[in-house]
N, C-alpha and C. Protein backbone atom coordinates (compact mmCIF):
# COMPACT_ATOMS: atom_id res chain seq x y z
N UNK A 1 0.84 -1.18 0.00
CA UNK A 1 0.00 0.00 0.00
C UNK A 1 0.89 1.25 0.00
N UNK A 2 0.57 2.19 -0.86
CA UNK A 2 1.36 3.43 -0.96
C UNK A 2 1.13 4.31 0.26
N UNK A 3 2.15 5.01 0.66
CA UNK A 3 2.05 5.93 1.79
C UNK A 3 1.24 7.16 1.38
N UNK A 4 0.48 7.69 2.33
CA UNK A 4 -0.25 8.93 2.05
C UNK A 4 0.70 10.05 1.67
N UNK A 5 1.96 9.96 2.07
CA UNK A 5 2.93 11.00 1.73
C UNK A 5 3.17 11.10 0.23
N UNK A 6 2.83 10.02 -0.49
CA UNK A 6 2.99 10.06 -1.95
C UNK A 6 1.98 11.00 -2.61
N UNK A 7 0.99 11.46 -1.85
CA UNK A 7 0.02 12.43 -2.37
C UNK A 7 0.64 13.83 -2.50
N UNK A 8 1.76 14.07 -1.83
CA UNK A 8 2.42 15.38 -1.87
C UNK A 8 3.29 15.43 -3.12
N UNK A 9 2.98 16.38 -4.00
CA UNK A 9 3.65 16.44 -5.30
C UNK A 9 4.06 17.88 -5.61
N UNK A 10 4.99 18.01 -6.52
CA UNK A 10 5.35 19.33 -7.02
C UNK A 10 4.31 19.79 -8.03
N UNK A 11 4.39 21.04 -8.43
CA UNK A 11 3.40 21.60 -9.35
C UNK A 11 3.44 20.92 -10.72
N UNK A 12 4.62 20.64 -11.24
CA UNK A 12 4.73 20.00 -12.56
C UNK A 12 4.03 18.64 -12.55
N UNK A 13 4.32 17.84 -11.53
CA UNK A 13 3.72 16.51 -11.42
C UNK A 13 2.21 16.61 -11.20
N UNK A 14 1.79 17.60 -10.42
CA UNK A 14 0.35 17.80 -10.17
C UNK A 14 -0.36 18.20 -11.45
N UNK A 15 0.27 19.06 -12.25
CA UNK A 15 -0.33 19.46 -13.52
C UNK A 15 -0.48 18.27 -14.46
N UNK A 16 0.53 17.43 -14.51
CA UNK A 16 0.46 16.23 -15.35
C UNK A 16 -0.69 15.31 -14.89
N UNK A 17 -0.82 15.14 -13.57
CA UNK A 17 -1.91 14.33 -13.03
C UNK A 17 -3.26 14.95 -13.36
N UNK A 18 -3.36 16.28 -13.23
CA UNK A 18 -4.62 16.97 -13.52
C UNK A 18 -5.04 16.72 -14.98
N UNK A 19 -4.08 16.79 -15.90
CA UNK A 19 -4.39 16.56 -17.31
C UNK A 19 -4.86 15.12 -17.54
N UNK A 20 -4.22 14.16 -16.89
CA UNK A 20 -4.64 12.76 -17.00
C UNK A 20 -6.05 12.57 -16.47
N UNK A 21 -6.34 13.18 -15.33
CA UNK A 21 -7.68 13.07 -14.75
C UNK A 21 -8.73 13.67 -15.67
N UNK A 22 -8.41 14.83 -16.25
CA UNK A 22 -9.33 15.47 -17.19
C UNK A 22 -9.61 14.62 -18.40
N UNK A 23 -8.57 14.01 -18.95
CA UNK A 23 -8.73 13.15 -20.13
C UNK A 23 -9.60 11.93 -19.83
N UNK A 24 -9.58 11.49 -18.59
CA UNK A 24 -10.39 10.32 -18.23
C UNK A 24 -11.78 10.71 -17.72
N UNK A 25 -12.13 12.01 -17.88
CA UNK A 25 -13.47 12.46 -17.52
C UNK A 25 -13.70 12.72 -16.05
N UNK A 26 -12.65 12.77 -15.27
CA UNK A 26 -12.77 13.01 -13.83
C UNK A 26 -12.90 14.51 -13.55
N UNK A 27 -13.71 14.83 -12.56
CA UNK A 27 -13.88 16.22 -12.12
C UNK A 27 -12.84 16.53 -11.05
N UNK A 28 -12.01 17.53 -11.33
CA UNK A 28 -10.94 17.93 -10.42
C UNK A 28 -11.40 19.13 -9.60
N UNK A 29 -11.30 18.99 -8.28
CA UNK A 29 -11.68 20.03 -7.33
C UNK A 29 -10.40 20.60 -6.72
N UNK A 30 -10.39 21.91 -6.51
CA UNK A 30 -9.20 22.58 -5.97
C UNK A 30 -9.60 23.48 -4.81
N UNK A 31 -8.81 23.46 -3.76
CA UNK A 31 -8.93 24.44 -2.70
C UNK A 31 -7.54 24.70 -2.15
N UNK A 32 -7.43 25.68 -1.30
CA UNK A 32 -6.13 26.02 -0.73
C UNK A 32 -6.29 26.55 0.68
N UNK A 33 -5.19 26.61 1.40
CA UNK A 33 -5.21 27.17 2.74
C UNK A 33 -3.89 26.97 3.45
N UNK A 34 -3.80 27.57 4.64
CA UNK A 34 -2.59 27.44 5.46
C UNK A 34 -2.59 26.11 6.21
N UNK A 35 -3.74 25.70 6.72
CA UNK A 35 -3.90 24.44 7.45
C UNK A 35 -2.87 24.31 8.56
N UNK A 36 -2.70 25.39 9.32
CA UNK A 36 -1.76 25.40 10.44
C UNK A 36 -2.50 24.89 11.68
N UNK A 37 -2.03 23.82 12.25
CA UNK A 37 -2.68 23.06 13.32
C UNK A 37 -4.00 22.53 12.78
N UNK A 38 -3.90 21.44 12.05
CA UNK A 38 -5.06 20.80 11.43
C UNK A 38 -6.08 20.43 12.50
N UNK A 39 -7.35 20.76 12.26
CA UNK A 39 -8.41 20.49 13.24
C UNK A 39 -9.65 19.95 12.52
N UNK A 40 -10.67 19.50 13.27
CA UNK A 40 -11.86 18.92 12.64
C UNK A 40 -12.56 19.85 11.65
N UNK A 41 -12.49 21.14 11.86
CA UNK A 41 -13.08 22.07 10.90
C UNK A 41 -12.43 21.95 9.53
N UNK A 42 -11.11 21.82 9.52
CA UNK A 42 -10.39 21.61 8.26
C UNK A 42 -10.82 20.29 7.62
N UNK A 43 -10.84 19.23 8.42
CA UNK A 43 -11.17 17.89 7.89
C UNK A 43 -12.57 17.88 7.28
N UNK A 44 -13.53 18.50 7.95
CA UNK A 44 -14.91 18.54 7.44
C UNK A 44 -15.00 19.36 6.16
N UNK A 45 -14.31 20.49 6.13
CA UNK A 45 -14.29 21.35 4.95
C UNK A 45 -13.72 20.59 3.75
N UNK A 46 -12.59 19.91 3.95
CA UNK A 46 -11.95 19.18 2.86
C UNK A 46 -12.80 17.99 2.41
N UNK A 47 -13.45 17.34 3.35
CA UNK A 47 -14.33 16.23 2.98
C UNK A 47 -15.50 16.72 2.12
N UNK A 48 -16.08 17.85 2.50
CA UNK A 48 -17.17 18.41 1.71
C UNK A 48 -16.68 18.86 0.33
N UNK A 49 -15.52 19.48 0.28
CA UNK A 49 -14.94 19.90 -1.00
C UNK A 49 -14.72 18.69 -1.90
N UNK A 50 -14.19 17.62 -1.35
CA UNK A 50 -13.93 16.40 -2.13
C UNK A 50 -15.21 15.83 -2.72
N UNK A 51 -16.31 16.01 -2.02
CA UNK A 51 -17.60 15.51 -2.49
C UNK A 51 -18.13 16.22 -3.72
N UNK A 52 -17.48 17.31 -4.12
CA UNK A 52 -17.92 18.08 -5.29
C UNK A 52 -17.29 17.57 -6.59
N UNK A 53 -16.50 16.53 -6.50
CA UNK A 53 -15.86 15.99 -7.70
C UNK A 53 -15.23 14.64 -7.44
N UNK A 54 -14.28 14.29 -8.29
CA UNK A 54 -13.64 12.97 -8.22
C UNK A 54 -12.26 13.00 -7.57
N UNK A 55 -11.58 14.14 -7.63
CA UNK A 55 -10.21 14.21 -7.11
C UNK A 55 -9.98 15.61 -6.54
N UNK A 56 -9.63 15.67 -5.25
CA UNK A 56 -9.39 16.94 -4.58
C UNK A 56 -7.90 17.25 -4.53
N UNK A 57 -7.54 18.40 -5.10
CA UNK A 57 -6.18 18.93 -5.00
C UNK A 57 -6.20 20.05 -3.98
N UNK A 58 -5.31 19.96 -2.99
CA UNK A 58 -5.22 20.99 -1.95
C UNK A 58 -3.86 21.67 -2.06
N UNK A 59 -3.87 22.98 -2.26
CA UNK A 59 -2.65 23.77 -2.28
C UNK A 59 -2.43 24.34 -0.88
N UNK A 60 -1.28 24.03 -0.30
CA UNK A 60 -0.94 24.47 1.05
C UNK A 60 0.07 25.61 0.95
N UNK A 61 -0.21 26.70 1.66
CA UNK A 61 0.70 27.85 1.68
C UNK A 61 2.05 27.45 2.26
N UNK A 62 3.12 27.92 1.64
CA UNK A 62 4.47 27.70 2.17
C UNK A 62 4.62 28.48 3.48
N UNK A 63 5.69 28.18 4.22
CA UNK A 63 5.95 28.90 5.46
C UNK A 63 6.07 30.41 5.22
N UNK A 64 6.81 30.81 4.19
CA UNK A 64 6.97 32.24 3.89
C UNK A 64 5.64 32.88 3.55
N UNK A 65 4.81 32.17 2.82
CA UNK A 65 3.49 32.68 2.46
C UNK A 65 2.63 32.88 3.71
N UNK A 66 2.64 31.91 4.62
CA UNK A 66 1.86 32.02 5.86
C UNK A 66 2.35 33.22 6.67
N UNK A 67 3.66 33.37 6.81
CA UNK A 67 4.21 34.51 7.56
C UNK A 67 3.75 35.83 6.96
N UNK A 68 3.76 35.90 5.65
CA UNK A 68 3.34 37.12 4.96
C UNK A 68 1.88 37.45 5.24
N UNK A 69 1.04 36.42 5.32
CA UNK A 69 -0.40 36.60 5.51
C UNK A 69 -0.77 36.76 6.98
N UNK A 70 -0.18 35.92 7.85
CA UNK A 70 -0.64 35.82 9.24
C UNK A 70 0.30 36.44 10.26
N UNK A 71 1.50 36.83 9.82
CA UNK A 71 2.43 37.46 10.75
C UNK A 71 3.63 36.59 11.08
N UNK A 72 4.63 37.18 11.74
CA UNK A 72 5.92 36.52 11.94
C UNK A 72 5.90 35.32 12.90
N UNK A 73 4.87 35.17 13.71
CA UNK A 73 4.82 34.05 14.65
C UNK A 73 4.17 32.80 14.06
N UNK A 74 3.73 32.89 12.85
CA UNK A 74 3.09 31.75 12.20
C UNK A 74 3.92 31.37 10.98
N UNK A 75 3.87 30.15 10.53
CA UNK A 75 3.01 29.08 11.03
C UNK A 75 3.59 28.42 12.29
N UNK A 76 2.75 27.68 12.96
CA UNK A 76 3.19 26.87 14.10
C UNK A 76 3.89 25.62 13.57
N UNK A 77 3.27 24.95 12.62
CA UNK A 77 3.84 23.76 11.98
C UNK A 77 4.45 24.15 10.64
N UNK A 78 5.60 23.56 10.31
CA UNK A 78 6.23 23.91 9.03
C UNK A 78 5.45 23.34 7.85
N UNK A 79 5.78 23.82 6.65
CA UNK A 79 5.02 23.46 5.45
C UNK A 79 5.02 21.96 5.18
N UNK A 80 6.13 21.30 5.44
CA UNK A 80 6.17 19.85 5.20
C UNK A 80 5.20 19.12 6.13
N UNK A 81 5.18 19.52 7.40
CA UNK A 81 4.27 18.89 8.37
C UNK A 81 2.82 19.17 8.02
N UNK A 82 2.52 20.42 7.65
CA UNK A 82 1.14 20.77 7.28
C UNK A 82 0.70 20.01 6.04
N UNK A 83 1.58 19.92 5.04
CA UNK A 83 1.25 19.17 3.82
C UNK A 83 1.02 17.70 4.13
N UNK A 84 1.86 17.13 4.99
CA UNK A 84 1.72 15.72 5.35
C UNK A 84 0.40 15.46 6.07
N UNK A 85 0.04 16.32 7.00
CA UNK A 85 -1.22 16.14 7.72
C UNK A 85 -2.42 16.23 6.77
N UNK A 86 -2.40 17.20 5.87
CA UNK A 86 -3.49 17.33 4.90
C UNK A 86 -3.53 16.08 4.01
N UNK A 87 -2.37 15.62 3.57
CA UNK A 87 -2.31 14.43 2.70
C UNK A 87 -2.82 13.18 3.41
N UNK A 88 -2.72 13.15 4.72
CA UNK A 88 -3.15 11.97 5.47
C UNK A 88 -4.67 11.79 5.47
N UNK A 89 -5.40 12.82 5.11
CA UNK A 89 -6.86 12.74 5.09
C UNK A 89 -7.33 11.95 3.87
N UNK A 90 -8.25 11.03 4.11
CA UNK A 90 -8.75 10.17 3.04
C UNK A 90 -9.38 10.96 1.90
N UNK A 91 -10.01 12.08 2.21
CA UNK A 91 -10.72 12.86 1.20
C UNK A 91 -9.79 13.59 0.23
N UNK A 92 -8.53 13.74 0.60
CA UNK A 92 -7.58 14.51 -0.20
C UNK A 92 -6.86 13.61 -1.19
N UNK A 93 -6.84 14.04 -2.47
CA UNK A 93 -6.18 13.27 -3.51
C UNK A 93 -4.73 13.67 -3.72
N UNK A 94 -4.47 14.97 -3.73
CA UNK A 94 -3.13 15.49 -4.01
C UNK A 94 -2.91 16.75 -3.19
N UNK A 95 -1.67 16.94 -2.73
CA UNK A 95 -1.29 18.16 -2.02
C UNK A 95 -0.10 18.77 -2.75
N UNK A 96 -0.16 20.07 -2.95
CA UNK A 96 0.95 20.81 -3.55
C UNK A 96 1.21 22.04 -2.68
N UNK A 97 2.47 22.34 -2.41
CA UNK A 97 2.83 23.52 -1.62
C UNK A 97 3.11 24.66 -2.59
N UNK A 98 2.57 25.85 -2.28
CA UNK A 98 2.84 27.00 -3.15
C UNK A 98 3.49 28.12 -2.37
N UNK A 99 4.34 28.89 -3.04
CA UNK A 99 5.19 29.90 -2.41
C UNK A 99 4.55 31.28 -2.34
N UNK A 100 3.65 31.58 -3.25
CA UNK A 100 3.08 32.93 -3.35
C UNK A 100 2.06 33.16 -2.23
N UNK A 101 1.66 34.43 -2.06
CA UNK A 101 0.64 34.74 -1.05
C UNK A 101 -0.73 34.23 -1.46
N UNK A 102 -0.97 34.12 -2.76
CA UNK A 102 -2.25 33.60 -3.25
C UNK A 102 -1.97 32.41 -4.18
N UNK A 103 -2.97 31.56 -4.39
CA UNK A 103 -2.78 30.40 -5.26
C UNK A 103 -3.05 30.68 -6.73
N UNK A 104 -3.10 31.94 -7.13
CA UNK A 104 -3.49 32.28 -8.50
C UNK A 104 -2.66 31.55 -9.55
N UNK A 105 -1.35 31.54 -9.40
CA UNK A 105 -0.50 30.88 -10.40
C UNK A 105 -0.77 29.38 -10.46
N UNK A 106 -1.01 28.76 -9.32
CA UNK A 106 -1.32 27.33 -9.28
C UNK A 106 -2.65 27.08 -9.98
N UNK A 107 -3.63 27.93 -9.71
CA UNK A 107 -4.95 27.79 -10.34
C UNK A 107 -4.82 27.94 -11.86
N UNK A 108 -4.03 28.91 -12.31
CA UNK A 108 -3.83 29.11 -13.76
C UNK A 108 -3.18 27.88 -14.39
N UNK A 109 -2.27 27.24 -13.68
CA UNK A 109 -1.60 26.04 -14.20
C UNK A 109 -2.54 24.84 -14.24
N UNK A 110 -3.34 24.67 -13.19
CA UNK A 110 -4.15 23.46 -13.06
C UNK A 110 -5.54 23.56 -13.69
N UNK A 111 -6.08 24.77 -13.77
CA UNK A 111 -7.43 24.98 -14.30
C UNK A 111 -8.41 23.91 -13.80
N UNK A 112 -8.67 23.91 -12.49
CA UNK A 112 -9.58 22.91 -11.94
C UNK A 112 -11.00 23.08 -12.47
N UNK A 113 -11.77 22.00 -12.39
CA UNK A 113 -13.18 22.06 -12.78
C UNK A 113 -14.00 22.79 -11.74
N UNK A 114 -13.60 22.63 -10.48
CA UNK A 114 -14.32 23.26 -9.36
C UNK A 114 -13.30 23.91 -8.44
N UNK A 115 -13.51 25.19 -8.15
CA UNK A 115 -12.69 25.94 -7.20
C UNK A 115 -13.52 26.13 -5.94
N UNK A 116 -12.98 25.74 -4.79
CA UNK A 116 -13.73 25.80 -3.54
C UNK A 116 -13.03 26.73 -2.55
N UNK A 117 -13.82 27.57 -1.89
CA UNK A 117 -13.35 28.40 -0.78
C UNK A 117 -14.42 28.40 0.29
N UNK A 118 -14.07 28.92 1.44
CA UNK A 118 -15.03 29.03 2.53
C UNK A 118 -16.10 30.05 2.22
N UNK A 119 -17.27 29.84 2.79
CA UNK A 119 -18.40 30.74 2.54
C UNK A 119 -18.16 32.13 3.11
N UNK A 120 -17.13 32.28 3.94
CA UNK A 120 -16.80 33.60 4.47
C UNK A 120 -16.15 34.49 3.40
N UNK A 121 -15.78 33.90 2.28
CA UNK A 121 -15.20 34.67 1.17
C UNK A 121 -16.31 35.11 0.23
N UNK A 122 -16.48 36.42 0.00
CA UNK A 122 -17.41 36.85 -1.05
C UNK A 122 -16.89 36.35 -2.39
N UNK A 123 -17.78 35.89 -3.25
CA UNK A 123 -17.35 35.27 -4.50
C UNK A 123 -16.44 36.18 -5.33
N UNK A 124 -16.71 37.48 -5.32
CA UNK A 124 -15.90 38.39 -6.14
C UNK A 124 -14.48 38.55 -5.58
N UNK A 125 -14.23 38.10 -4.36
CA UNK A 125 -12.89 38.19 -3.75
C UNK A 125 -12.12 36.87 -3.82
N UNK A 126 -12.73 35.83 -4.35
CA UNK A 126 -12.07 34.53 -4.41
C UNK A 126 -11.01 34.56 -5.52
N UNK A 127 -9.77 34.40 -5.12
CA UNK A 127 -8.64 34.42 -6.06
C UNK A 127 -8.80 33.28 -7.06
N UNK A 128 -8.72 33.61 -8.33
CA UNK A 128 -8.79 32.61 -9.39
C UNK A 128 -10.18 32.26 -9.86
N UNK A 129 -11.20 32.84 -9.24
CA UNK A 129 -12.59 32.51 -9.63
C UNK A 129 -12.83 32.83 -11.10
N UNK A 130 -12.36 33.98 -11.55
CA UNK A 130 -12.56 34.36 -12.95
C UNK A 130 -11.82 33.40 -13.89
N UNK A 131 -10.63 32.98 -13.51
CA UNK A 131 -9.83 32.05 -14.32
C UNK A 131 -10.58 30.73 -14.48
N UNK A 132 -11.10 30.22 -13.37
CA UNK A 132 -11.81 28.93 -13.40
C UNK A 132 -13.10 29.05 -14.22
N UNK A 133 -13.87 30.09 -13.98
CA UNK A 133 -15.12 30.28 -14.74
C UNK A 133 -14.84 30.44 -16.23
N UNK A 134 -13.82 31.21 -16.57
CA UNK A 134 -13.48 31.43 -17.99
C UNK A 134 -12.99 30.17 -18.69
N UNK A 135 -12.54 29.18 -17.91
CA UNK A 135 -12.10 27.92 -18.51
C UNK A 135 -13.21 26.86 -18.47
N UNK A 136 -14.42 27.29 -18.09
CA UNK A 136 -15.56 26.38 -18.08
C UNK A 136 -15.85 25.72 -16.75
N UNK A 137 -15.11 26.09 -15.72
CA UNK A 137 -15.32 25.52 -14.39
C UNK A 137 -16.31 26.32 -13.57
N UNK A 138 -16.47 25.91 -12.33
CA UNK A 138 -17.39 26.62 -11.44
C UNK A 138 -16.73 26.87 -10.09
N UNK A 139 -17.32 27.80 -9.34
CA UNK A 139 -16.82 28.18 -8.02
C UNK A 139 -17.87 27.80 -7.00
N UNK A 140 -17.44 27.15 -5.93
CA UNK A 140 -18.34 26.75 -4.84
C UNK A 140 -17.82 27.33 -3.53
N UNK A 141 -18.76 27.73 -2.68
CA UNK A 141 -18.40 28.23 -1.35
C UNK A 141 -19.00 27.28 -0.31
N UNK A 142 -18.18 26.89 0.66
CA UNK A 142 -18.59 25.91 1.68
C UNK A 142 -18.55 26.58 3.05
N UNK A 143 -19.59 26.33 3.85
CA UNK A 143 -19.62 26.84 5.22
C UNK A 143 -18.67 26.02 6.09
N UNK A 144 -17.94 26.71 6.96
CA UNK A 144 -17.04 26.04 7.89
C UNK A 144 -17.83 25.51 9.08
N UNK A 145 -17.34 24.43 9.66
CA UNK A 145 -17.90 23.94 10.92
C UNK A 145 -17.59 24.97 12.00
N UNK A 146 -18.58 25.30 12.80
CA UNK A 146 -18.37 26.31 13.84
C UNK A 146 -17.61 25.70 15.02
N UNK A 147 -16.91 26.57 15.73
CA UNK A 147 -16.22 26.15 16.94
C UNK A 147 -14.78 25.71 16.75
N UNK A 148 -14.28 25.80 15.53
CA UNK A 148 -12.90 25.36 15.28
C UNK A 148 -12.12 26.47 14.59
N UNK A 149 -10.94 26.77 15.11
CA UNK A 149 -10.02 27.66 14.40
C UNK A 149 -8.63 27.48 14.99
N UNK A 150 -7.64 27.64 14.16
CA UNK A 150 -6.26 27.52 14.62
C UNK A 150 -5.97 28.58 15.67
N UNK A 151 -6.44 29.80 15.45
CA UNK A 151 -6.21 30.88 16.40
C UNK A 151 -6.80 30.54 17.76
N UNK A 152 -8.02 29.97 17.79
CA UNK A 152 -8.63 29.63 19.07
C UNK A 152 -7.87 28.50 19.77
N UNK A 153 -7.30 27.58 19.00
CA UNK A 153 -6.49 26.52 19.60
C UNK A 153 -5.23 27.13 20.24
N UNK A 154 -4.58 28.03 19.53
CA UNK A 154 -3.39 28.69 20.07
C UNK A 154 -3.74 29.45 21.34
N UNK A 155 -4.85 30.19 21.32
CA UNK A 155 -5.28 30.95 22.49
C UNK A 155 -5.60 30.04 23.67
N UNK A 156 -6.22 28.89 23.41
CA UNK A 156 -6.55 27.94 24.47
C UNK A 156 -5.28 27.38 25.11
N UNK A 157 -4.28 27.06 24.31
CA UNK A 157 -3.02 26.55 24.85
C UNK A 157 -2.38 27.61 25.74
N UNK A 158 -2.35 28.84 25.27
CA UNK A 158 -1.76 29.93 26.06
C UNK A 158 -2.52 30.10 27.37
N UNK A 159 -3.86 30.08 27.30
CA UNK A 159 -4.69 30.27 28.50
C UNK A 159 -4.49 29.12 29.50
N UNK A 160 -4.51 27.90 29.01
CA UNK A 160 -4.43 26.73 29.91
C UNK A 160 -3.06 26.55 30.53
N UNK A 161 -2.02 26.91 29.82
CA UNK A 161 -0.68 26.68 30.32
C UNK A 161 -0.01 27.94 30.85
N UNK A 162 -0.77 29.03 30.91
CA UNK A 162 -0.27 30.25 31.52
C UNK A 162 0.89 30.90 30.80
N UNK A 163 0.99 30.62 29.52
CA UNK A 163 2.08 31.20 28.75
C UNK A 163 1.67 32.60 28.33
N UNK A 164 2.53 33.54 28.61
CA UNK A 164 2.25 34.92 28.23
C UNK A 164 2.79 35.15 26.82
N UNK A 165 1.92 35.64 25.90
CA UNK A 165 2.43 35.93 24.55
C UNK A 165 3.48 37.02 24.59
N UNK A 166 4.48 36.92 23.75
CA UNK A 166 5.57 37.91 23.70
C UNK A 166 5.09 39.21 23.13
């Protein structure tokens, strides 16, 4: 049995896989995120996204990308660990790490059939939505499970263990 770590691929290999899947009539779904401290909200979101097609590709922000977006104290887990945890989920088909602040270049390369983001994103603000629609794909927004967030997990650890933030 192949290791779930084999789901982690570079962009070139992921693009080749995407083309093969398209030729065989499979619907490719794409989403992205930081996935820092993977929690049930992430797992439920990815499971729902996977249900919108045949193969889910998840683009994980690199460490530099996360720092640029969330600040110098993040990520908590490095990009390899975050990619491995995402890849370990049964619903995920492929994981690719991207360096930019947004996944636009990855979306342009892969041209997924379905682009998925959280329902907290207004559709006009979803990066790559126009690219996907213009290539014949669609954009879906999924509601997150309430009660889960990486920030709240970090805050809970600080509160419970009496650690004062710097």
